Amino acid sequence: MKIQNAEFITSSTHEKQCPKPDKPEYAFIGRSNVGKSSLVNMLTNRKKLAKISSNPGKTITMNHFIINKEWYLVDLPGYGYAKRSKSERAKWEKMIKQYLLTRTNLLTVFLLIDLRIEPQKIDLEFMEWLATSQIPFVITFTKVDKVGGMAKIDGSVEKYKNTLLENWEEVPPMLVTSSQTSLGKEELLSYIEKTNKVFGL
């Protein structure tokens, strides 16, 4: 798949404010500062489609983009930002979970994980919630260019898999990506292209 067109549509704070669910939709989510906006910009060949900030927790709304006028990409707020108050975090959690549970056209969640960091409890718990809620997701490793060569990358991925297999019968699908080198771009877009067919595209 080649992305010819990518446009911002709207920002929402409630599922009911989202665009009409008449196109396949893919959500991108992860801990604050995981490189979500950079990945979105890399995938869409746009430098400033998703706003990048040096301050974690910048995205506080659900941001919809329409890609090739055929499918929606949703940039969700980063979670686990310690400087947010408990009430703000609770509000975020309610908004996101309501969206994920009720959005009828959502086909896949791309859960972004910084491959340089050891498996985090907050990520593992969120994966478990997605699985028990029967929401399809793909573990999408980011910043892999900072891990080292492919041998080190493969080793880090294998280590992550082994952590999951302590509690999971089988691991979810996984992709490795780099916003700097565009590694994983074709694989991720190919995944979306194939999944779009489920929606009839």
C-alpha atoms as a PDB file:
ATOM      1  CA  MET A   1       0.000   0.000   0.000  1.00  0.00           C
ATOM      2  CA  LYS A   2       1.172   3.506  -0.834  1.00  0.00           C
ATOM      3  CA  ILE A   3      -0.261   6.425   1.089  1.00  0.00           C
ATOM      4  CA  GLN A   4      -1.177   9.114  -1.409  1.00  0.00           C
ATOM      5  CA  ASN A   5      -3.356  11.223   0.838  1.00  0.00           C
ATOM      6  CA  ALA A   6      -3.553  11.806   4.587  1.00  0.00           C
ATOM      7  CA  GLU A   7      -5.792  14.427   6.162  1.00  0.00           C
ATOM      8  CA  PHE A   8      -6.673  15.384   9.717  1.00  0.00           C
ATOM      9  CA  ILE A   9     -10.419  15.052  10.301  1.00  0.00           C
ATOM     10  CA  THR A  10     -11.275  15.782  13.919  1.00  0.00           C
ATOM     11  CA  SER A  11     -10.291  15.581  17.589  1.00  0.00           C
ATOM     12  CA  SER A  12     -12.712  13.881  19.974  1.00  0.00           C
ATOM     13  CA  THR A  13     -13.060  13.354  23.700  1.00  0.00           C
ATOM     14  CA  HIS A  14     -15.922  10.850  23.398  1.00  0.00           C
ATOM     15  CA  GLU A  15     -16.659   7.957  21.062  1.00  0.00           C
ATOM     16  CA  LYS A  16     -19.919   9.607  19.988  1.00  0.00           C
ATOM     17  CA  GLN A  17     -17.953  12.577  18.600  1.00  0.00           C
ATOM     18  CA  CYS A  18     -15.898  10.360  16.286  1.00  0.00           C
ATOM     19  CA  PRO A  19     -16.577  10.277  12.530  1.00  0.00           C
ATOM     20  CA  LYS A  20     -19.311   8.008  11.234  1.00  0.00           C
ATOM     21  CA  PRO A  21     -18.025   4.395  11.493  1.00  0.00           C
ATOM     22  CA  ASP A  22     -18.342   3.689   7.778  1.00  0.00           C
ATOM     23  CA  LYS A  23     -14.665   3.032   7.027  1.00  0.00           C
ATOM     24  CA  PRO A  24     -12.106   0.606   8.491  1.00  0.00           C
ATOM     25  CA  GLU A  25     -10.258   2.089  11.430  1.00  0.00           C
ATOM     26  CA  TYR A  26      -6.893   1.499  13.112  1.00  0.00           C
ATOM     27  CA  ALA A  27      -5.888   2.959  16.470  1.00  0.00           C
ATOM     28  CA  PHE A  28      -2.341   3.701  17.623  1.00  0.00           C
ATOM     29  CA  ILE A  29      -1.704   3.767  21.349  1.00  0.00           C
ATOM     30  CA  GLY A  30       1.179   3.416  23.795  1.00  0.00           C
ATOM     31  CA  ARG A  31       2.865   4.860  26.838  1.00  0.00           C
ATOM     32  CA  SER A  32       3.763   8.550  26.720  1.00  0.00           C
ATOM     33  CA  ASN A  33       6.920   9.304  24.739  1.00  0.00           C
ATOM     34  CA  VAL A  34       6.911   5.928  22.951  1.00  0.00           C
ATOM     35  CA  GLY A  35       7.250   7.646  19.566  1.00  0.00           C
ATOM     36  CA  LYS A  36       3.637   7.420  18.455  1.00  0.00           C
ATOM     37  CA  SER A  37       3.413  10.719  16.577  1.00  0.00           C
ATOM     38  CA  SER A  38       6.754  10.084  14.873  1.00  0.00           C
ATOM     39  CA  LEU A  39       5.529   6.674  13.705  1.00  0.00           C
ATOM     40  CA  VAL A  40       2.268   8.131  12.355  1.00  0.00           C
ATOM     41  CA  ASN A  41       4.220  10.778  10.444  1.00  0.00           C
ATOM     42  CA  MET A  42       6.617   8.176   9.045  1.00  0.00           C
ATOM     43  CA  LEU A  43       3.784   5.916   7.881  1.00  0.00           C
ATOM     44  CA  THR A  44       1.944   8.761   6.159  1.00  0.00           C
ATOM     45  CA  ASN A  45       5.022  10.475   4.663  1.00  0.00           C
ATOM     46  CA  ARG A  46       4.110  13.686   6.481  1.00  0.00           C
ATOM     47  CA  LYS A  47       6.472  15.535   8.788  1.00  0.00           C
ATOM     48  CA  LYS A  48       3.810  17.331  10.771  1.00  0.00           C
ATOM     49  CA  LEU A  49       0.575  15.343  10.396  1.00  0.00           C
ATOM     50  CA  ALA A  50       0.700  14.252  14.038  1.00  0.00           C
ATOM     51  CA  LYS A  51       2.174  16.841  16.382  1.00  0.00           C
ATOM     52  CA  ILE A  52       5.437  15.790  18.011  1.00  0.00           C
ATOM     53  CA  SER A  53       6.356  17.210  21.401  1.00  0.00           C
ATOM     54  CA  SER A  54       9.347  16.822  23.692  1.00  0.00           C
ATOM     55  CA  ASN A  55       6.844  16.949  26.545  1.00  0.00           C
ATOM     56  CA  PRO A  56       5.217  13.547  27.198  1.00  0.00           C
ATOM     57  CA  GLY A  57       1.445  13.425  27.423  1.00  0.00           C
ATOM     58  CA  LYS A  58       0.863  16.060  24.723  1.00  0.00           C
ATOM     59  CA  THR A  59      -1.957  14.177  22.982  1.00  0.00           C
ATOM     60  CA  ILE A  60      -5.073  14.371  25.181  1.00  0.00           C
ATOM     61  CA  THR A  61      -7.752  13.763  22.552  1.00  0.00           C
ATOM     62  CA  MET A  62      -8.551  11.033  20.036  1.00  0.00           C
ATOM     63  CA  ASN A  63      -7.303  12.386  16.709  1.00  0.00           C
ATOM     64  CA  HIS A  64      -8.790  10.993  13.510  1.00  0.00           C
ATOM     65  CA  PHE A  65      -6.995  11.094  10.154  1.00  0.00           C
ATOM     66  CA  ILE A  66      -8.404   9.787   6.883  1.00  0.00           C
ATOM     67  CA  ILE A  67      -5.901   7.915   4.736  1.00  0.00           C
ATOM     68  CA  ASN A  68      -6.273   7.611   0.938  1.00  0.00           C
ATOM     69  CA  LYS A  69      -9.908   8.601   1.544  1.00  0.00           C
ATOM     70  CA  GLU A  70     -10.470   4.913   2.424  1.00  0.00           C
ATOM     71  CA  TRP A  71      -9.601   4.250   6.075  1.00  0.00           C
ATOM     72  CA  TYR A  72      -9.156   5.998   9.402  1.00  0.00           C
ATOM     73  CA  LEU A  73      -5.986   6.212  11.447  1.00  0.00           C
ATOM     74  CA  VAL A  74      -6.575   7.239  15.063  1.00  0.00           C
ATOM     75  CA  ASP A  75      -3.855   8.748  17.243  1.00  0.00           C
ATOM     76  CA  LEU A  76      -4.890   7.998  20.825  1.00  0.00           C
ATOM     77  CA  PRO A  77      -3.491   9.726  23.950  1.00  0.00           C
ATOM     78  CA  GLY A  78      -0.389   8.222  25.512  1.00  0.00           C
ATOM     79  CA  TYR A  79      -0.945   6.502  28.838  1.00  0.00           C
ATOM     80  CA  GLY A  80       1.111   6.215  32.010  1.00  0.00           C
ATOM     81  CA  TYR A  81       2.143   9.867  32.180  1.00  0.00           C
ATOM     82  CA  ALA A  82       3.017  10.337  35.856  1.00  0.00           C
ATOM     83  CA  LYS A  83       2.545  14.115  35.966  1.00  0.00           C
ATOM     84  CA  ARG A  84      -1.157  13.840  35.227  1.00  0.00           C
ATOM     85  CA  SER A  85      -3.455  13.842  38.225  1.00  0.00           C
ATOM     86  CA  LYS A  86      -5.348  10.698  39.231  1.00  0.00           C
ATOM     87  CA  SER A  87      -8.605  12.261  38.083  1.00  0.00           C
ATOM     88  CA  GLU A  88      -7.114  13.093  34.673  1.00  0.00           C
ATOM     89  CA  ARG A  89      -5.767   9.564  34.278  1.00  0.00           C
ATOM     90  CA  ALA A  90      -9.142   8.109  35.270  1.00  0.00           C
ATOM     91  CA  LYS A  91     -10.877  10.357  32.731  1.00  0.00           C
ATOM     92  CA  TRP A  92      -8.410   9.280  30.031  1.00  0.00           C
ATOM     93  CA  GLU A  93      -8.904   5.600  30.859  1.00  0.00           C
ATOM     94  CA  LYS A  94     -12.682   5.881  30.701  1.00  0.00           C
ATOM     95  CA  MET A  95     -12.578   7.737  27.364  1.00  0.00           C
ATOM     96  CA  ILE A  96     -10.164   5.285  25.741  1.00  0.00           C
ATOM     97  CA  LYS A  97     -11.792   2.112  27.000  1.00  0.00           C
ATOM     98  CA  GLN A  98     -15.235   3.303  25.961  1.00  0.00           C
ATOM     99  CA  TYR A  99     -13.879   4.046  22.489  1.00  0.00           C
ATOM    100  CA  LEU A 100     -12.101   0.693  22.182  1.00  0.00           C
ATOM    101  CA  LEU A 101     -15.096  -1.293  23.409  1.00  0.00           C
ATOM    102  CA  THR A 102     -17.794   0.433  21.354  1.00  0.00           C
ATOM    103  CA  ARG A 103     -16.186   1.581  18.096  1.00  0.00           C
ATOM    104  CA  THR A 104     -17.765  -0.835  15.617  1.00  0.00           C
ATOM    105  CA  ASN A 105     -15.393  -0.176  12.693  1.00  0.00           C
ATOM    106  CA  LEU A 106     -12.175  -0.560  14.719  1.00  0.00           C
ATOM    107  CA  LEU A 107     -10.277  -3.455  13.161  1.00  0.00           C
ATOM    108  CA  THR A 108      -6.921  -3.387  14.953  1.00  0.00           C
ATOM    109  CA  VAL A 109      -5.107  -1.582  17.747  1.00  0.00           C
ATOM    110  CA  PHE A 110      -1.393  -1.030  17.211  1.00  0.00           C
ATOM    111  CA  LEU A 111       0.072  -1.095  20.707  1.00  0.00           C
ATOM    112  CA  LEU A 112       3.406   0.714  20.632  1.00  0.00           C
ATOM    113  CA  ILE A 113       6.248  -0.554  22.825  1.00  0.00           C
ATOM    114  CA  ASP A 114       9.733   0.985  23.121  1.00  0.00           C
ATOM    115  CA  LEU A 115      11.961  -2.031  22.448  1.00  0.00           C
ATOM    116  CA  ARG A 116      14.841  -0.505  24.436  1.00  0.00           C
ATOM    117  CA  ILE A 117      12.900  -0.801  27.691  1.00  0.00           C
ATOM    118  CA  GLU A 118      12.229  -3.914  29.768  1.00  0.00           C
ATOM    119  CA  PRO A 119       8.586  -5.155  29.685  1.00  0.00           C
ATOM    120  CA  GLN A 120       6.507  -2.741  31.770  1.00  0.00           C
ATOM    121  CA  LYS A 121       3.637  -3.779  34.032  1.00  0.00           C
ATOM    122  CA  ILE A 122       1.348  -1.063  32.632  1.00  0.00           C
ATOM    123  CA  ASP A 123       1.841  -2.368  29.055  1.00  0.00           C
ATOM    124  CA  LEU A 124       1.395  -6.012  30.037  1.00  0.00           C
ATOM    125  CA  GLU A 125      -1.818  -5.210  31.913  1.00  0.00           C
ATOM    126  CA  PHE A 126      -3.160  -3.230  28.954  1.00  0.00           C
ATOM    127  CA  MET A 127      -2.402  -6.146  26.600  1.00  0.00           C
ATOM    128  CA  GLU A 128      -4.267  -8.476  28.924  1.00  0.00           C
ATOM    129  CA  TRP A 129      -7.266  -6.115  28.970  1.00  0.00           C
ATOM    130  CA  LEU A 130      -7.287  -5.938  25.153  1.00  0.00           C
ATOM    131  CA  ALA A 131      -7.128  -9.731  24.906  1.00  0.00           C
ATOM    132  CA  THR A 132      -9.893 -10.373  27.439  1.00  0.00           C
ATOM    133  CA  SER A 133     -12.008  -7.686  25.737  1.00  0.00           C
ATOM    134  CA  GLN A 134     -11.440  -9.524  22.415  1.00  0.00           C
ATOM    135  CA  ILE A 135      -9.958  -6.440  20.755  1.00  0.00           C
ATOM    136  CA  PRO A 136      -7.431  -7.431  18.039  1.00  0.00           C
ATOM    137  CA  PHE A 137      -4.038  -5.820  18.560  1.00  0.00           C
ATOM    138  CA  VAL A 138      -0.509  -5.894  17.195  1.00  0.00           C
ATOM    139  CA  ILE A 139       2.494  -5.262  19.407  1.00  0.00           C
ATOM    140  CA  THR A 140       4.436  -2.633  17.496  1.00  0.00           C
ATOM    141  CA  PHE A 141       7.987  -2.124  18.713  1.00  0.00           C
ATOM    142  CA  THR A 142       9.362   1.392  18.232  1.00  0.00           C
ATOM    143  CA  LYS A 143      12.797   3.040  18.301  1.00  0.00           C
ATOM    144  CA  VAL A 144      14.452  -0.206  17.234  1.00  0.00           C
ATOM    145  CA  ASP A 145      17.209   1.734  15.423  1.00  0.00           C
ATOM    146  CA  LYS A 146      18.484   2.673  18.896  1.00  0.00           C
ATOM    147  CA  VAL A 147      18.724  -0.981  19.981  1.00  0.00           C
ATOM    148  CA  GLY A 148      21.556  -1.912  17.620  1.00  0.00           C
ATOM    149  CA  GLY A 149      21.860  -4.272  14.654  1.00  0.00           C
ATOM    150  CA  MET A 150      19.288  -6.862  13.623  1.00  0.00           C
ATOM    151  CA  ALA A 151      20.840  -9.514  15.865  1.00  0.00           C
ATOM    152  CA  LYS A 152      20.288  -7.303  18.928  1.00  0.00           C
ATOM    153  CA  ILE A 153      16.793  -6.366  17.743  1.00  0.00           C
ATOM    154  CA  ASP A 154      15.854 -10.030  17.260  1.00  0.00           C
ATOM    155  CA  GLY A 155      17.265 -10.841  20.690  1.00  0.00           C
ATOM    156  CA  SER A 156      15.226  -8.088  22.355  1.00  0.00           C
ATOM    157  CA  VAL A 157      12.041  -9.208  20.585  1.00  0.00           C
ATOM    158  CA  GLU A 158      12.670 -12.824  21.618  1.00  0.00           C
ATOM    159  CA  LYS A 159      13.198 -11.725  25.212  1.00  0.00           C
ATOM    160  CA  TYR A 160       9.873  -9.878  25.120  1.00  0.00           C
ATOM    161  CA  LYS A 161       8.139 -12.933  23.655  1.00  0.00           C
ATOM    162  CA  ASN A 162       9.520 -15.111  26.436  1.00  0.00           C
ATOM    163  CA  THR A 163       8.163 -12.708  29.049  1.00  0.00           C
ATOM    164  CA  LEU A 164       4.697 -12.923  27.493  1.00  0.00           C
ATOM    165  CA  LEU A 165       4.824 -16.710  27.222  1.00  0.00           C
ATOM    166  CA  GLU A 166       5.086 -16.912  31.011  1.00  0.00           C
ATOM    167  CA  ASN A 167       1.347 -16.059  31.065  1.00  0.00           C
ATOM    168  CA  TRP A 168       0.147 -16.324  27.452  1.00  0.00           C
ATOM    169  CA  GLU A 169      -0.447 -19.509  25.475  1.00  0.00           C
ATOM    170  CA  GLU A 170       0.701 -17.746  22.324  1.00  0.00           C
ATOM    171  CA  VAL A 171       2.044 -14.278  21.671  1.00  0.00           C
ATOM    172  CA  PRO A 172       0.091 -11.633  19.739  1.00  0.00           C
ATOM    173  CA  PRO A 173       1.317 -10.516  16.294  1.00  0.00           C
ATOM    174  CA  MET A 174       4.451  -8.357  16.473  1.00  0.00           C
ATOM    175  CA  LEU A 175       6.061  -5.757  14.200  1.00  0.00           C
ATOM    176  CA  VAL A 176       9.360  -3.918  14.568  1.00  0.00           C
ATOM    177  CA  THR A 177       9.495  -0.295  13.412  1.00  0.00           C
ATOM    178  CA  SER A 178      11.759   2.718  13.308  1.00  0.00           C
ATOM    179  CA  SER A 179      10.560   6.220  12.506  1.00  0.00           C
ATOM    180  CA  GLN A 180      14.152   7.173  11.678  1.00  0.00           C
ATOM    181  CA  THR A 181      14.883   4.448   9.123  1.00  0.00           C
ATOM    182  CA  SER A 182      11.287   3.558   8.064  1.00  0.00           C
ATOM    183  CA  LEU A 183      11.902  -0.044   9.115  1.00  0.00           C
ATOM    184  CA  GLY A 184       8.602  -1.906   9.337  1.00  0.00           C
ATOM    185  CA  LYS A 185       6.676   0.633   7.275  1.00  0.00           C
ATOM    186  CA  GLU A 186       5.869  -1.745   4.418  1.00  0.00           C
ATOM    187  CA  GLU A 187       4.968  -4.575   6.816  1.00  0.00           C
ATOM    188  CA  LEU A 188       2.607  -2.394   8.834  1.00  0.00           C
ATOM    189  CA  LEU A 189       0.877  -0.910   5.798  1.00  0.00           C
ATOM    190  CA  SER A 190       0.625  -4.389   4.241  1.00  0.00           C
ATOM    191  CA  TYR A 191      -1.073  -5.605   7.432  1.00  0.00           C
ATOM    192  CA  ILE A 192      -3.602  -2.772   7.152  1.00  0.00           C
ATOM    193  CA  GLU A 193      -4.163  -3.417   3.436  1.00  0.00           C
ATOM    194  CA  LYS A 194      -4.938  -7.087   4.089  1.00  0.00           C
ATOM    195  CA  THR A 195      -7.170  -6.296   7.062  1.00  0.00           C
ATOM    196  CA  ASN A 196      -9.102  -3.682   5.051  1.00  0.00           C
ATOM    197  CA  LYS A 197     -10.409  -6.549   2.956  1.00  0.00           C
ATOM    198  CA  VAL A 198     -12.313  -7.800   5.991  1.00  0.00           C
ATOM    199  CA  PHE A 199     -14.243  -4.547   5.796  1.00  0.00           C
ATOM    200  CA  GLY A 200     -14.911  -5.054   2.106  1.00  0.00           C
ATOM    201  CA  LEU A 201     -12.290  -2.718   0.634  1.00  0.00           C
END
